Amino acid sequence: MPKRGVVMERLVPLSKADRSFDLEFWRRVSPARKFEIAWQMVLDYWKRQGKSEDQLRFRRDVEVLKPLRRVARRRRR
């Protein structure tokens, strides 16, 4: 069964176009669908760079970050 999507269209002269239509469209799209669309843009960009999708993965060379130890400051009187 195909996914149901948000379909909207508007035809206006370029001089009268504003962002209101875009904002309304994205307001109607679910967060999960927004993520799917964003990921598809990443894949499209990656392909245009001539790289394989197999190369997309989390970096493993990032070092472990440790929280700073807080030193208790005491008031001296």
Protein backbone atom coordinates (compact mmCIF):
# COMPACT_ATOMS: atom_id res chain seq x y z
CA MET A 1 0.00 0.00 0.00
CA PRO A 2 1.56 3.34 -1.02
CA LYS A 3 2.18 6.02 1.61
CA ARG A 4 -0.24 8.87 1.74
CA GLY A 5 1.57 12.14 1.53
CA VAL A 6 0.79 15.79 1.80
CA VAL A 7 -0.05 17.23 -1.60
CA MET A 8 -0.37 20.98 -1.91
CA GLU A 9 0.03 23.32 -4.82
CA ARG A 10 -0.30 27.03 -5.44
CA LEU A 11 0.15 29.09 -8.56
CA VAL A 12 1.02 32.74 -8.08
CA PRO A 13 3.12 35.29 -9.91
CA LEU A 14 6.70 35.24 -8.64
CA SER A 15 6.35 38.83 -7.48
CA LYS A 16 3.59 37.76 -5.05
CA ALA A 17 5.24 34.58 -3.78
CA ASP A 18 6.13 34.52 -0.11
CA ARG A 19 7.14 31.88 2.45
CA SER A 20 3.63 31.33 3.83
CA PHE A 21 2.91 28.43 1.47
CA ASP A 22 6.18 26.66 2.36
CA LEU A 23 5.60 27.15 6.07
CA GLU A 24 2.09 25.73 5.83
CA PHE A 25 3.34 22.71 3.87
CA TRP A 26 6.07 21.84 6.38
CA ARG A 27 3.66 22.36 9.27
CA ARG A 28 1.49 19.56 7.83
CA VAL A 29 4.37 17.10 7.34
CA SER A 30 5.03 14.70 10.23
CA PRO A 31 8.39 14.77 12.04
CA ALA A 32 9.15 11.23 10.81
CA ARG A 33 8.52 12.26 7.20
CA LYS A 34 10.69 15.38 7.62
CA PHE A 35 13.52 13.10 8.77
CA GLU A 36 13.01 10.82 5.74
CA ILE A 37 13.16 13.81 3.41
CA ALA A 38 16.29 15.20 5.09
CA TRP A 39 18.01 11.81 4.86
CA GLN A 40 17.12 11.55 1.18
CA MET A 41 18.78 14.94 0.63
CA VAL A 42 21.93 13.62 2.34
CA LEU A 43 21.93 10.59 0.03
CA ASP A 44 21.38 12.75 -3.06
CA TYR A 45 24.26 15.04 -2.08
CA TRP A 46 26.52 12.06 -1.36
CA LYS A 47 25.78 10.53 -4.77
CA ARG A 48 26.50 13.83 -6.55
CA GLN A 49 29.91 13.82 -4.86
CA GLY A 50 30.55 10.46 -6.54
CA LYS A 51 30.65 8.56 -3.27
CA SER A 52 29.03 5.25 -2.41
CA GLU A 53 26.22 5.06 0.13
CA ASP A 54 28.21 2.26 1.77
CA GLN A 55 30.66 4.89 2.97
CA LEU A 56 27.99 6.63 5.03
CA ARG A 57 28.41 5.61 8.64
CA PHE A 58 29.17 7.02 12.04
CA ARG A 59 32.73 8.14 12.56
CA ARG A 60 34.67 5.81 14.78
CA ASP A 61 37.67 8.04 15.33
CA VAL A 62 35.92 10.47 17.65
CA GLU A 63 37.48 10.42 21.09
CA VAL A 64 35.56 9.85 24.29
CA LEU A 65 34.45 13.05 25.95
CA LYS A 66 34.51 13.07 29.72
CA PRO A 67 32.58 15.56 31.83
CA LEU A 68 34.63 18.11 33.73
CA ARG A 69 34.94 17.46 37.43
CA ARG A 70 33.59 20.33 39.41
CA VAL A 71 35.74 21.54 42.23
CA ALA A 72 33.80 22.57 45.27
CA ARG A 73 34.67 26.09 46.29
CA ARG A 74 34.54 26.93 49.93
CA ARG A 75 34.17 30.38 51.30
CA ARG A 76 36.93 31.55 53.54
CA ARG A 77 36.00 33.87 56.35
